[in-house]
Each structure stands twice: as structure tokens, then as C-alpha cells.
Amino acid sequence: MNNEQFEEELHVRPLQDGRVYTNFVFKILLKNAVPRSANTLGSEDEAQHYTVFPLALGQIIREYAVTELHLSLNAGKWDYASWGYPDNPSVGSGAELWAWMGEGDEKRVSISFDARWQGLRNALAGLFCASLGELDERRTTSPVYAFQPDGDLPAESMNLAYAFHPSENICTENLTPFIKLLPCKSRSGIASLLNPHRLFDADWHGMSIRVLWRADEGVEVQLGVQAVFDPIRLRGQQKRDWDFPHIFDRTITRACPVAYSSTIRVDLPLSGPYTLTPDPITAGNGTAVFDVMSANKPLDVSLLYLNEAHFTYPVDPSPQTDLSIARSHTGTSQAHGRFHVTLTNSLNHPQRVAYLETPPWIIKFYLHTLTVTVDQDPRPRKDIIQKLTYIPTSSNLPTLFEPTLILPPNSTVHLTLDFDKTFLRYTEHPPDAQRGWDLPPAVLIPLSSNGSSAPPSLPRMYTNTLLVDLATPDFSMPYNVIIMTCTLIAMFFGNVFNLLTREFIAIKVA
């Protein structure tokens, strides 16, 4: 284990609406490791020996020469206005997968980039029991500004593949293989708090898998679980006090023996008297830290709000983010519609952002109808959009719409764009055709204002998913035709059968 290191951490943050945000992070570092080059896929890979590093995930990364990988499965809508920014920004409802992989030399690579992307999706689908195989070319794009690498990239040419499946949610069959990747599973350490009965009862929950390469450290795998709990609902009382038994229905009975560090961070309330038990090892800057390795077992962290007999929900909560985004579509027609996007900048200086929209092939944009206005001024503002990346849909491929904008300080920018809805064949409709089609969430990516390559100070944000109603045939008609046909055949067959088989005998009545 000298070249492997496992760390685990739990972050607990009380929210202004009485809920509690929890973030489990499990980091496994493979020291001095380097990603596999795409040019070596035609030859046998070097032997890999892991102790705490997840073997199943490591084999997939090596098999398809993946440098950086991000997978998230979420259920629910993240409320930025009340909850602020999450620790992990990947909170879009559904399944999101994006990866950076080397293209390699055409003469030396034995498998193409698209084939590797397909194999990666199918391998992850089998590992985590999710419908990631649906993230095929109909949902795959390659954004220009969004989803820049969080780690380092090798010197070879790299390419990004991004896909989103809004109809795929997290469930128990996804959490079980996730826990099996941990060295101590859920038997000890912070992972013992991952109770599926409570986790999937949360107001919002999701899990993520990240694989990064840092040139000065090695290959790092980050396994995360985020959830937002409502202690008022769980306790059955009008108080926002919380503890581990009421949130997770469990306590930590023993530490993970292979963990290099195991800590719990609790953000302290900003106002009002409270009591935090047990005593943390350090407390400062509004955060209390507990060391699971040295704490007395069982470890039960609790926070009690003194002099609060009844919690009152804030009527007008203060915004928790500097930027906000909202998206909707209007129109009653089953053939046409209009997108309306609202971007709000609460900062005192202009903010450069990128907006990403990747609708499926059933939505066709009319780019000439794009209109940008600011606040209540109806006059179009052509100076707001700096650059525009637009790849229209074709042959069942998704649309890539990615403009970069300058948001004026303390203002609201409105974008409107008309679109057409494709008229589908009856064989192209999903099984639940009357429900409609889910559109993936749009993504707002803050960029550095000076145009440099430095990472932005604000994380990306996701909108809610949208449900689009398409022209749908009456699928009950085939059923009616079948029933009518069967009825006529039965009547005809019955009469003919009776005439051919029945024997008529004259009976004399005295």
C-alpha cells in the first residue's frame, strides 16, 4: 500500500430552509501512475497490481485509455436559491457522463475514438447497473468551453465526449456496486452511514465517480455521494435539530483500518445559540472537524439549536448564489415552440459565461430567431454574445448550441429561441409516448473575465429538465383494430364450424 492512499471525508452543512446537506467523498490515489496512451492499445498493457484502488474501475480506465472521467447519477432538482452551490457541481437530474481521451495516431491506434467511447459507456453501464448504453451518438456532443479537465492532460491530442440522459435516475442497484468499490465497503468508516433506506428518502440525492490524473501525484479516483435531508420531516417535530441516528439511522461504530485519514467537517450555524456534540478536535472559521480514527465509538455527531421550540421557514430567503439561471419553453402547438432562458448576474462587475444546450434530434433550432435583451429593455442587444458555437442536428445527432456571453453587472439577460418539433414515425416513439420527451438540462459555465485559461472562481450550474410534447398517434387504434378483427373472425369461424360439423335431424312430434 505504499503507492496507494485512501482518504474519506464527510461534509455536513445546515441550510437556511432547515434542511441539511451532506457530501461523502472517498479519494483513492494511485501514486506516480500515468494514464495509458491511446497509441498503446494495439499492444499488451503492463500489469496492474492494486490493493485499495478499485480493480473493476481501473481495468475499464486502462482498457479504453481514459485520461479523465466524470459520471454522475442524480434524482431531484437542486435548489440553488435556497441551498447555494454544492461541493460537487454535477447535480443535473439524470445521468451525466463526460470523458477526456486521447485520439492517438491514426496509423498506430487499433480502435477508433468512437468505438472506445461506446465501449466505455457499455462497461460503465454493466459496472453500475445503469442505462448508460443509451448515451450513444444520439446524445453525444463535444462542447468547446464547457467541461474543461479538472486534472492534467498528457501532451498527446485529447478529445472530449459528453452525453446526458435525463430519464435515468439513481436507485439501490446503482449504490450497491458503488459501495463495492470502497476498500472497507460499508462495514466501517464513514461509508457505514450510507443507508440506502434513508439516502433514497432524501429530498435530493446523487452519486458521482471522478477519475483524474495529476502529473505531480498520480491517478486519483473520487467516489462521492451527495444528499439533502429534511430533519423536520425525519424527526416528526418542528425543530431542525439533527444527529446521525435521525438522518442516517446509523452511527459510526469503527473506523476504516486502511484509511489514511477519516474526517467529518460540520459547518456551524451563523447565528443563534447551539450545542455541538461530541467536542471536535478543531473548530474555527465556522467549521468543526472530527477525526473518526481517534474519536470514541460509536460516533454520533449532533447539532441542537437552543431556544428554538419551533422552526419558521424563511418567507423571503436570501439568494445563495451570485448567478442564477432559469429555462422554460412556451407554445401550445405540437409542431413549434420557443425557449426562454433567464440569466441573472448579482455581481457588481460583468461576468463572462458560456451557456450550453444539447437538445436531442427531435428539436430543431431556428438560429435567426435568437434574441437577447437585458432587463426590461425590449431592444435586442447584439453585444452580449461574444462567440457562438452551433452545430445543427442531422441524422439523429443532437444539436450543440454554446454561446459565450458577457452578463452586465446587477442585471438580467433574456434569451429567446424558436424551435420546431420533429414529426416522428410511429416506430420512433418511446414506450410511454403520451408522456413526452425529456430534454437534458442546460448548463451555465462561468468563465474567467479576462479570457485567460485560469479556472473560474464560480462552479457551473444546471437548469431543470424540460418535458416536450410531440405529435403522438393514437396507439390505441391498433388495439381496437385487433379486437374488432378477432371478433369478426370468431363469429365467422364459429358459424362456419357449426354448419360443417352440426348434424341436423328431423324430429317427429306426435
Protein backbone atom coordinates (compact mmCIF):
# COMPACT_ATOMS: atom_id res chain seq x y z
CA MET A 1 0.00 0.00 0.00
CA ASN A 2 2.99 2.33 -0.20
CA ASN A 3 1.90 3.57 -3.63
CA GLU A 4 -1.82 3.78 -2.76
CA GLN A 5 -3.61 6.10 -0.37
CA PHE A 6 -7.25 6.12 0.74
CA GLU A 7 -8.93 9.12 2.35
CA GLU A 8 -12.56 9.66 3.30
CA GLU A 9 -14.44 12.76 4.38
CA LEU A 10 -18.00 13.75 5.25
CA HIS A 11 -19.10 17.37 4.94
CA VAL A 12 -22.31 18.41 6.75
CA ARG A 13 -23.77 21.86 6.07
CA PRO A 14 -27.02 23.20 7.55
CA LEU A 15 -29.14 25.09 5.01
CA GLN A 16 -31.24 28.18 5.52
CA ASP A 17 -34.52 26.34 4.89
CA GLY A 18 -33.89 23.92 7.77
CA ARG A 19 -32.52 21.10 5.64
CA VAL A 20 -29.08 19.52 5.96
CA TYR A 21 -26.66 18.99 3.09
CA THR A 22 -24.26 16.03 3.32
CA ASN A 23 -21.40 15.17 0.98
CA PHE A 24 -19.45 11.92 1.22
CA VAL A 25 -16.08 11.95 -0.57
CA PHE A 26 -13.83 8.89 -0.85
CA LYS A 27 -10.45 9.53 -2.51
CA ILE A 28 -8.14 6.75 -3.67
CA LEU A 29 -4.78 7.87 -5.02
CA LEU A 30 -2.55 5.63 -7.12
CA LYS A 31 0.77 7.40 -6.70
CA ASN A 32 3.08 8.04 -9.65
CA ALA A 33 0.64 6.36 -12.05
CA VAL A 34 0.15 7.72 -15.57
CA PRO A 35 -2.81 7.22 -17.93
CA ARG A 36 -2.48 4.76 -20.75
CA SER A 37 -1.73 6.26 -24.15
CA ALA A 38 -4.15 5.55 -26.99
CA ASN A 39 -1.19 4.57 -29.18
CA THR A 40 -0.52 1.52 -26.98
CA LEU A 41 -3.99 -0.02 -27.30
CA GLY A 42 -2.78 -2.39 -30.00
CA SER A 43 -0.20 -3.97 -27.68
CA GLU A 44 -0.48 -5.75 -24.35
CA ASP A 45 -0.88 -3.45 -21.37
CA GLU A 46 1.55 -3.50 -18.49
CA ALA A 47 0.49 -5.41 -15.39
CA GLN A 48 -1.54 -3.51 -12.81
CA HIS A 49 -1.49 -4.53 -9.15
CA TYR A 50 -3.99 -2.80 -6.86
CA THR A 51 -4.62 -3.13 -3.14
CA VAL A 52 -7.22 -0.46 -2.28
CA PHE A 53 -7.60 1.03 -5.75
CA PRO A 54 -10.84 -0.33 -7.32
CA LEU A 55 -9.80 -3.05 -9.73
CA ALA A 56 -13.05 -3.10 -11.72
CA LEU A 57 -12.86 0.62 -12.45
CA GLY A 58 -9.11 0.55 -13.04
CA GLN A 59 -9.45 -2.13 -15.71
CA ILE A 60 -12.04 -0.05 -17.58
CA ILE A 61 -9.84 3.05 -17.48
CA ARG A 62 -6.85 1.13 -18.83
CA GLU A 63 -8.83 -0.82 -21.43
CA TYR A 64 -10.10 2.31 -23.18
CA ALA A 65 -7.19 4.67 -22.39
CA VAL A 66 -9.28 7.20 -20.46
CA THR A 67 -7.38 10.15 -19.01
CA GLU A 68 -10.25 11.83 -17.15
CA LEU A 69 -13.73 10.52 -16.40
CA HIS A 70 -16.82 12.06 -14.78
CA LEU A 71 -20.01 10.12 -14.13
CA SER A 72 -22.95 11.32 -12.04
CA LEU A 73 -26.41 9.91 -11.30
CA ASN A 74 -28.85 12.28 -9.61
CA ALA A 75 -32.53 12.35 -8.65
CA GLY A 76 -34.39 15.56 -7.88
CA LYS A 77 -33.88 19.23 -8.63
CA TRP A 78 -31.09 21.13 -6.92
CA ASP A 79 -32.40 24.40 -5.44
CA TYR A 80 -29.57 26.90 -5.97
CA ALA A 81 -31.57 29.78 -4.48
CA SER A 82 -32.01 28.09 -1.09
CA TRP A 83 -29.10 25.63 -0.95
CA GLY A 84 -26.31 27.53 -2.69
CA TYR A 85 -23.52 25.81 -4.57
CA PRO A 86 -22.90 22.09 -3.93
CA ASP A 87 -19.42 20.76 -3.26
CA ASN A 88 -19.63 18.73 -6.46
CA PRO A 89 -21.20 20.84 -9.23
CA SER A 90 -22.54 17.82 -11.17
CA VAL A 91 -26.13 18.00 -9.89
CA GLY A 92 -28.13 17.79 -13.12
CA SER A 93 -31.12 15.48 -12.80
CA GLY A 94 -30.36 12.25 -14.68
CA ALA A 95 -27.20 10.50 -15.83
CA GLU A 96 -24.25 12.61 -16.99
CA LEU A 97 -21.06 11.18 -18.47
CA TRP A 98 -18.10 13.01 -19.94
CA ALA A 99 -14.56 11.87 -20.54
CA TRP A 100 -11.27 13.14 -21.93
CA MET A 101 -9.49 10.53 -24.04
CA GLY A 102 -6.50 10.67 -26.36
CA GLU A 103 -7.14 10.47 -30.09
CA GLY A 104 -3.79 8.82 -30.84
CA ASP A 105 -2.03 8.40 -34.16
CA GLU A 106 -4.32 7.03 -36.88
CA LYS A 107 -1.59 4.65 -38.05
CA ARG A 108 -0.93 3.26 -34.56
CA VAL A 109 -4.36 3.21 -32.91
CA SER A 110 -6.12 -0.13 -33.31
CA ILE A 111 -9.54 1.14 -32.13
CA SER A 112 -11.18 4.44 -33.02
CA PHE A 113 -12.23 7.13 -30.58
CA ASP A 114 -15.94 6.50 -31.18
CA ALA A 115 -15.53 2.76 -30.61
CA ARG A 116 -13.70 3.41 -27.34
CA TRP A 117 -16.41 5.83 -26.24
CA GLN A 118 -19.02 3.17 -26.96
CA GLY A 119 -17.05 0.53 -25.07
CA LEU A 120 -16.60 2.88 -22.12
CA ARG A 121 -20.34 3.54 -21.91
CA ASN A 122 -21.23 -0.13 -22.05
CA ALA A 123 -18.57 -1.10 -19.50
CA LEU A 124 -19.75 1.54 -17.01
CA ALA A 125 -23.36 0.51 -17.63
CA GLY A 126 -22.51 -3.04 -16.64
CA LEU A 127 -20.45 -1.97 -13.64
CA PHE A 128 -23.04 0.38 -12.12
CA CYS A 129 -26.24 -1.30 -13.41
CA ALA A 130 -27.35 1.88 -15.21
CA SER A 131 -28.73 2.55 -18.69
CA LEU A 132 -25.57 4.29 -19.84
CA GLY A 133 -25.69 2.41 -23.10
CA GLU A 134 -28.41 4.90 -24.12
CA LEU A 135 -25.73 7.62 -24.21
CA ASP A 136 -24.93 6.81 -27.82
CA GLU A 137 -24.31 9.11 -30.79
CA ARG A 138 -27.88 10.42 -30.48
CA ARG A 139 -26.89 12.11 -27.19
CA THR A 140 -23.11 12.63 -27.53
CA THR A 141 -21.55 16.03 -28.24
CA SER A 142 -18.18 17.71 -27.78
CA PRO A 143 -18.56 21.17 -26.19
CA VAL A 144 -15.87 23.81 -26.68
CA TYR A 145 -15.91 25.78 -23.41
CA ALA A 146 -17.85 23.57 -21.02
CA PHE A 147 -16.36 20.68 -19.07
CA GLN A 148 -12.71 21.59 -19.13
CA PRO A 149 -10.47 19.00 -17.43
CA ASP A 150 -10.19 19.19 -13.64
CA GLY A 151 -6.82 17.44 -13.70
CA ASP A 152 -3.85 17.42 -16.05
CA LEU A 153 -3.78 16.15 -19.61
CA PRO A 154 -0.86 14.44 -21.38
CA ALA A 155 0.94 16.04 -24.27
CA GLU A 156 -0.90 13.94 -26.88
CA SER A 157 -4.00 15.21 -28.68
CA MET A 158 -7.08 14.87 -26.49
CA ASN A 159 -10.78 14.94 -27.26
CA LEU A 160 -13.90 15.41 -25.11
CA ALA A 161 -17.06 13.33 -25.30
CA TYR A 162 -20.14 14.48 -23.36
CA ALA A 163 -23.58 12.89 -23.04
CA PHE A 164 -26.61 13.30 -20.80
CA HIS A 165 -29.60 11.02 -20.21
CA PRO A 166 -32.30 12.98 -18.33
CA SER A 167 -34.59 9.98 -17.77
CA GLU A 168 -32.04 7.88 -15.83
CA ASN A 169 -32.18 8.25 -12.04
CA ILE A 170 -30.20 6.73 -9.21
CA CYS A 171 -31.57 3.77 -7.25
CA THR A 172 -30.38 0.96 -4.97
CA GLU A 173 -28.99 -1.15 -7.81
CA ASN A 174 -26.57 1.71 -8.60
CA LEU A 175 -25.47 2.25 -4.99
CA THR A 176 -24.62 -1.40 -4.34
CA PRO A 177 -21.80 -1.68 -6.94
CA PHE A 178 -20.68 1.81 -5.93
CA ILE A 179 -20.11 0.68 -2.33
CA LYS A 180 -18.25 -2.43 -3.52
CA LEU A 181 -15.55 -0.16 -4.98
CA LEU A 182 -14.63 1.12 -1.49
CA PRO A 183 -11.84 -0.65 0.42
CA CYS A 184 -13.94 -1.10 3.57
CA LYS A 185 -17.25 -1.34 1.74
CA SER A 186 -19.98 -0.12 4.14
CA ARG A 187 -18.88 -2.16 7.13
CA SER A 188 -16.70 0.52 8.74
CA GLY A 189 -15.66 4.12 8.43
CA ILE A 190 -17.74 6.96 7.10
CA ALA A 191 -19.23 4.69 4.43
CA SER A 192 -21.14 2.83 7.14
CA LEU A 193 -23.52 5.82 7.21
CA LEU A 194 -24.65 5.12 3.62
CA ASN A 195 -28.03 3.69 4.49
CA PRO A 196 -30.00 3.24 1.25
CA HIS A 197 -33.35 3.43 3.07
CA ARG A 198 -32.54 6.96 4.27
CA LEU A 199 -30.43 8.05 1.30
CA PHE A 200 -33.19 7.44 -1.26
CA ASP A 201 -35.74 9.07 1.06
CA ALA A 202 -33.83 12.35 0.94
CA ASP A 203 -35.21 15.45 -0.76
CA TRP A 204 -32.33 15.31 -3.24
CA HIS A 205 -29.64 12.65 -3.69
CA GLY A 206 -26.97 11.65 -6.15
CA MET A 207 -23.66 9.87 -6.56
CA SER A 208 -20.61 10.60 -8.68
CA ILE A 209 -17.43 8.93 -9.90
CA ARG A 210 -14.45 11.02 -10.95
CA VAL A 211 -11.09 9.84 -12.29
CA LEU A 212 -8.36 12.47 -12.57
CA TRP A 213 -4.69 12.50 -13.39
CA ARG A 214 -2.35 14.88 -11.61
CA ALA A 215 1.13 14.95 -13.07
CA ASP A 216 2.81 15.53 -9.71
CA GLU A 217 0.75 12.94 -7.77
CA GLY A 218 -0.76 10.20 -9.94
CA VAL A 219 -4.19 8.86 -10.83
CA GLU A 220 -6.92 9.75 -8.36
CA VAL A 221 -10.41 8.25 -8.08
CA GLN A 222 -13.04 10.27 -6.22
CA LEU A 223 -16.24 8.48 -5.25
CA GLY A 224 -18.92 10.81 -3.92
CA VAL A 225 -22.46 10.73 -2.56
CA GLN A 226 -24.46 13.91 -2.01
CA ALA A 227 -27.86 14.22 -0.34
CA VAL A 228 -30.14 16.86 1.16
CA PHE A 229 -32.14 15.71 4.19
CA ASP A 230 -35.06 17.34 5.96
CA PRO A 231 -34.62 16.73 9.71
CA ILE A 232 -38.01 18.29 10.45
CA ARG A 233 -39.72 15.60 8.39
CA LEU A 234 -37.48 12.80 9.66
CA ARG A 235 -37.87 13.68 13.34
CA GLY A 236 -41.58 14.43 13.13
CA GLN A 237 -41.08 17.66 15.08
CA GLN A 238 -40.99 21.32 14.09
CA LYS A 239 -37.31 21.57 15.01
CA ARG A 240 -34.25 21.46 12.76
CA ASP A 241 -32.04 19.62 15.27
CA TRP A 242 -30.17 16.78 13.63
CA ASP A 243 -27.95 13.86 14.52
CA PHE A 244 -26.65 10.76 12.78
CA PRO A 245 -29.39 8.36 14.02
CA HIS A 246 -32.18 10.60 12.75
CA ILE A 247 -30.54 11.40 9.41
CA PHE A 248 -28.82 8.11 8.54
CA ASP A 249 -30.43 5.80 11.12
CA ARG A 250 -26.87 4.71 11.91
CA THR A 251 -23.74 5.70 13.80
CA ILE A 252 -20.07 5.03 13.12
CA THR A 253 -19.07 2.03 15.21
CA ARG A 254 -15.49 1.62 13.95
CA ALA A 255 -13.03 3.33 11.68
CA CYS A 256 -11.84 2.00 8.34
CA PRO A 257 -8.44 0.37 9.10
CA VAL A 258 -6.90 1.14 5.70
CA ALA A 259 -7.86 4.82 5.65
CA TYR A 260 -5.01 7.31 5.70
CA SER A 261 -7.39 9.95 7.06
CA SER A 262 -11.07 9.93 8.03
CA THR A 263 -12.61 13.27 8.94
CA ILE A 264 -16.03 14.85 9.39
CA ARG A 265 -16.48 18.58 8.74
CA VAL A 266 -19.54 20.36 10.10
CA ASP A 267 -20.36 23.93 9.10
CA LEU A 268 -21.52 25.78 12.20
CA PRO A 269 -24.65 27.99 12.26
CA LEU A 270 -24.02 31.66 11.61
CA SER A 271 -26.45 32.91 14.26
CA GLY A 272 -28.26 31.74 17.36
CA PRO A 273 -27.06 29.57 20.26
CA TYR A 274 -26.42 25.92 19.54
CA THR A 275 -24.77 22.84 21.01
CA LEU A 276 -22.49 20.51 19.03
CA THR A 277 -21.60 17.12 20.47
CA PRO A 278 -19.17 15.48 20.88
CA ASP A 279 -16.38 18.02 21.14
CA PRO A 280 -14.50 18.41 17.83
CA ILE A 281 -10.72 18.23 17.61
CA THR A 282 -10.62 21.67 15.96
CA ALA A 283 -13.17 24.43 15.50
CA GLY A 284 -12.55 27.65 13.65
CA ASN A 285 -13.64 29.76 10.70
CA GLY A 286 -17.17 28.47 11.09
CA THR A 287 -16.21 24.79 10.73
CA ALA A 288 -15.82 21.98 13.27
CA VAL A 289 -13.65 18.97 12.41
CA PHE A 290 -13.94 15.46 13.87
CA ASP A 291 -11.32 12.73 13.49
CA VAL A 292 -13.05 9.38 13.08
CA MET A 293 -9.83 7.47 13.70
CA SER A 294 -9.33 8.81 17.23
CA ALA A 295 -12.94 9.54 18.26
CA ASN A 296 -14.78 7.45 20.79
CA LYS A 297 -17.07 4.84 19.28
CA PRO A 298 -19.88 4.76 18.48
CA LEU A 299 -19.53 8.21 16.97
CA ASP A 300 -22.75 10.21 16.85
CA VAL A 301 -22.47 13.86 15.82
CA SER A 302 -25.47 16.00 16.72
CA LEU A 303 -26.33 19.69 16.47
CA LEU A 304 -29.03 21.17 18.70
CA TYR A 305 -30.45 24.66 18.29
CA LEU A 306 -31.06 26.13 21.73
CA ASN A 307 -34.07 28.32 22.48
CA GLU A 308 -35.80 27.17 19.28
CA ALA A 309 -39.06 25.43 20.04
CA HIS A 310 -40.47 25.85 16.53
CA PHE A 311 -38.58 26.45 13.30
CA THR A 312 -40.06 29.06 10.99
CA TYR A 313 -39.35 28.67 7.31
CA PRO A 314 -37.96 31.85 5.75
CA VAL A 315 -40.64 33.65 3.76
CA ASP A 316 -38.20 35.52 1.54
CA PRO A 317 -34.88 33.59 1.68
CA SER A 318 -31.77 35.43 0.61
CA PRO A 319 -30.19 34.20 -2.66
CA GLN A 320 -27.25 31.89 -2.05
CA THR A 321 -25.57 32.24 -5.45
CA ASP A 322 -24.13 35.17 -7.37
CA LEU A 323 -25.50 33.85 -10.65
CA SER A 324 -28.83 32.25 -11.41
CA ILE A 325 -30.34 30.57 -14.44
CA ALA A 326 -33.88 29.58 -15.37
CA ARG A 327 -35.13 27.92 -18.55
CA SER A 328 -38.62 27.28 -19.85
CA HIS A 329 -40.39 26.62 -23.13
CA THR A 330 -43.66 28.09 -24.31
CA GLY A 331 -46.18 27.32 -27.02
CA THR A 332 -49.26 25.15 -27.25
CA SER A 333 -48.51 23.72 -30.68
CA GLN A 334 -47.18 20.19 -31.10
CA ALA A 335 -45.05 21.36 -34.02
CA HIS A 336 -43.45 24.61 -32.81
CA GLY A 337 -42.19 26.15 -29.56
CA ARG A 338 -39.91 28.75 -28.03
CA PHE A 339 -37.15 28.54 -25.47
CA HIS A 340 -36.88 31.31 -22.88
CA VAL A 341 -33.66 31.47 -20.83
CA THR A 342 -33.11 33.95 -17.98
CA LEU A 343 -29.56 34.64 -16.74
CA THR A 344 -29.15 36.87 -13.68
CA ASN A 345 -25.85 38.40 -12.57
CA SER A 346 -25.92 39.74 -8.99
CA LEU A 347 -22.24 40.73 -9.03
CA ASN A 348 -21.02 44.30 -9.20
CA HIS A 349 -18.89 43.57 -12.25
CA PRO A 350 -19.51 41.96 -15.65
CA GLN A 351 -19.30 38.19 -15.74
CA ARG A 352 -18.27 36.16 -18.77
CA VAL A 353 -20.20 32.89 -19.06
CA ALA A 354 -20.87 30.09 -21.50
CA TYR A 355 -24.31 28.62 -22.00
CA LEU A 356 -24.60 25.00 -23.19
CA GLU A 357 -27.70 23.48 -24.73
CA THR A 358 -27.62 19.94 -26.18
CA PRO A 359 -31.19 19.00 -27.18
CA PRO A 360 -31.79 15.71 -28.99
CA TRP A 361 -32.52 15.46 -32.70
CA ILE A 362 -36.25 15.89 -32.18
CA ILE A 363 -35.67 19.62 -31.53
CA LYS A 364 -34.53 21.82 -34.42
CA PHE A 365 -33.47 25.40 -33.63
CA TYR A 366 -34.07 28.43 -35.84
CA LEU A 367 -30.88 30.37 -35.18
CA HIS A 368 -32.13 33.51 -36.93
CA THR A 369 -34.81 33.86 -34.21
CA LEU A 370 -32.21 34.18 -31.43
CA THR A 371 -32.96 37.37 -29.47
CA VAL A 372 -31.03 38.77 -26.50
CA THR A 373 -32.44 41.51 -24.25
CA VAL A 374 -31.36 42.98 -20.90
CA ASP A 375 -33.75 43.65 -18.01
CA GLN A 376 -36.98 45.27 -19.20
CA ASP A 377 -35.49 46.89 -22.29
CA PRO A 378 -37.14 45.30 -25.36
CA ARG A 379 -34.34 46.39 -27.71
CA PRO A 380 -32.09 43.50 -28.84
CA ARG A 381 -28.53 43.55 -27.56
CA LYS A 382 -26.11 42.07 -30.09
CA ASP A 383 -23.08 42.99 -27.95
CA ILE A 384 -23.98 40.44 -25.22
CA ILE A 385 -22.95 37.38 -27.26
CA GLN A 386 -19.19 37.28 -27.88
CA LYS A 387 -18.88 33.93 -29.66
CA LEU A 388 -21.29 31.27 -30.79
CA THR A 389 -20.68 27.57 -31.40
CA TYR A 390 -23.59 25.99 -33.21
CA ILE A 391 -23.77 22.52 -34.76
CA PRO A 392 -27.29 21.78 -36.03
CA THR A 393 -28.85 18.37 -35.75
CA SER A 394 -28.55 15.89 -38.60
CA SER A 395 -29.07 12.14 -38.96
CA ASN A 396 -30.40 11.68 -35.41
CA LEU A 397 -27.45 13.58 -33.91
CA PRO A 398 -28.02 16.15 -31.13
CA THR A 399 -27.72 19.89 -31.54
CA LEU A 400 -24.78 21.75 -29.96
CA PHE A 401 -25.67 25.34 -29.03
CA GLU A 402 -22.93 27.00 -26.96
CA PRO A 403 -22.72 30.82 -26.94
CA THR A 404 -20.36 32.82 -24.72
CA LEU A 405 -21.91 35.92 -23.20
CA ILE A 406 -20.97 38.94 -21.12
CA LEU A 407 -23.54 39.46 -18.35
CA PRO A 408 -23.70 43.13 -17.28
CA PRO A 409 -23.42 43.79 -13.53
CA ASN A 410 -26.61 43.60 -11.47
CA SER A 411 -28.76 42.75 -14.47
CA THR A 412 -30.88 40.02 -16.01
CA VAL A 413 -30.30 38.78 -19.55
CA HIS A 414 -33.13 37.12 -21.51
CA LEU A 415 -32.55 34.74 -24.42
CA THR A 416 -35.36 33.54 -26.68
CA LEU A 417 -35.05 31.00 -29.48
CA ASP A 418 -37.73 29.37 -31.63
CA PHE A 419 -37.62 25.68 -32.49
CA ASP A 420 -39.51 23.01 -34.40
CA LYS A 421 -40.60 19.63 -33.07
CA THR A 422 -39.89 16.71 -35.35
CA PHE A 423 -42.80 14.61 -36.59
CA LEU A 424 -41.77 11.07 -35.69
CA ARG A 425 -42.67 7.77 -37.25
CA TYR A 426 -44.77 5.56 -35.04
CA THR A 427 -41.79 3.20 -34.62
CA GLU A 428 -39.58 6.04 -33.27
CA HIS A 429 -41.75 6.84 -30.27
CA PRO A 430 -40.72 5.59 -26.80
CA PRO A 431 -42.93 3.07 -24.97
CA ASP A 432 -44.53 5.88 -22.92
CA ALA A 433 -45.11 8.12 -25.94
CA GLN A 434 -48.02 10.01 -24.37
CA ARG A 435 -45.75 11.27 -21.58
CA GLY A 436 -43.46 13.21 -23.93
CA TRP A 437 -39.70 13.56 -24.34
CA ASP A 438 -37.29 14.66 -21.60
CA LEU A 439 -34.78 17.31 -22.61
CA PRO A 440 -31.42 17.38 -20.80
CA PRO A 441 -30.73 20.37 -18.53
CA ALA A 442 -28.88 23.36 -19.85
CA VAL A 443 -25.53 24.22 -18.27
CA LEU A 444 -24.21 27.65 -17.28
CA ILE A 445 -20.41 27.76 -17.12
CA PRO A 446 -18.75 30.84 -15.56
CA LEU A 447 -15.54 31.78 -17.38
CA SER A 448 -12.61 33.96 -16.42
CA SER A 449 -13.48 37.55 -17.29
CA ASN A 450 -10.10 38.34 -18.78
CA GLY A 451 -10.20 35.46 -21.24
CA SER A 452 -7.30 33.59 -19.61
CA SER A 453 -7.16 29.84 -19.13
CA ALA A 454 -7.29 30.17 -15.33
CA PRO A 455 -10.13 28.18 -13.72
CA PRO A 456 -13.19 30.28 -12.88
CA SER A 457 -14.00 31.12 -9.29
CA LEU A 458 -17.65 30.03 -9.62
CA PRO A 459 -18.83 26.47 -10.39
CA ARG A 460 -21.10 25.52 -13.26
CA MET A 461 -24.86 25.46 -12.77
CA TYR A 462 -27.64 23.28 -14.20
CA THR A 463 -31.22 24.09 -15.07
CA ASN A 464 -34.16 21.78 -14.61
CA THR A 465 -35.09 19.23 -17.25
CA LEU A 466 -37.93 20.00 -19.64
CA LEU A 467 -40.73 17.81 -20.94
CA VAL A 468 -41.64 18.34 -24.61
CA ASP A 469 -44.94 17.16 -26.03
CA LEU A 470 -44.68 15.89 -29.61
CA ALA A 471 -47.38 14.97 -32.08
CA THR A 472 -48.29 11.45 -30.99
CA PRO A 473 -50.51 8.99 -32.90
CA ASP A 474 -53.36 7.22 -31.21
CA PHE A 475 -51.66 3.97 -30.25
CA SER A 476 -55.00 2.58 -29.06
CA MET A 477 -56.23 2.25 -32.66
CA PRO A 478 -54.16 -0.88 -33.44
CA TYR A 479 -55.61 -2.44 -30.30
CA ASN A 480 -59.12 -1.58 -31.42
CA VAL A 481 -58.47 -2.97 -34.90
CA ILE A 482 -57.07 -6.20 -33.46
CA ILE A 483 -60.07 -6.65 -31.16
CA MET A 484 -62.53 -5.94 -33.97
CA THR A 485 -60.76 -8.28 -36.36
CA CYS A 486 -60.62 -11.08 -33.81
CA THR A 487 -64.31 -10.64 -33.06
CA LEU A 488 -65.31 -10.88 -36.72
CA ILE A 489 -63.08 -13.89 -37.31
CA ALA A 490 -64.50 -15.64 -34.25
CA MET A 491 -68.07 -15.02 -35.37
CA PHE A 492 -67.37 -16.14 -38.94
CA PHE A 493 -65.38 -19.20 -37.86
CA GLY A 494 -68.00 -20.18 -35.30
CA ASN A 495 -70.85 -20.06 -37.77
CA VAL A 496 -68.96 -21.94 -40.47
CA PHE A 497 -67.77 -24.53 -37.97
CA ASN A 498 -71.32 -25.10 -36.74
CA LEU A 499 -72.60 -25.53 -40.28
CA LEU A 500 -69.89 -28.05 -41.17
CA THR A 501 -69.96 -30.14 -38.01
CA ARG A 502 -73.51 -29.92 -36.72
CA GLU A 503 -75.85 -32.70 -37.76
CA PHE A 504 -79.47 -31.72 -38.38
CA ILE A 505 -82.07 -34.43 -37.51
CA ALA A 506 -85.79 -34.11 -38.11
CA ILE A 507 -87.83 -34.96 -35.04
CA LYS A 508 -91.39 -36.06 -35.41
CA VAL A 509 -93.65 -34.77 -32.71
CA ALA A 510 -96.65 -36.98 -32.02
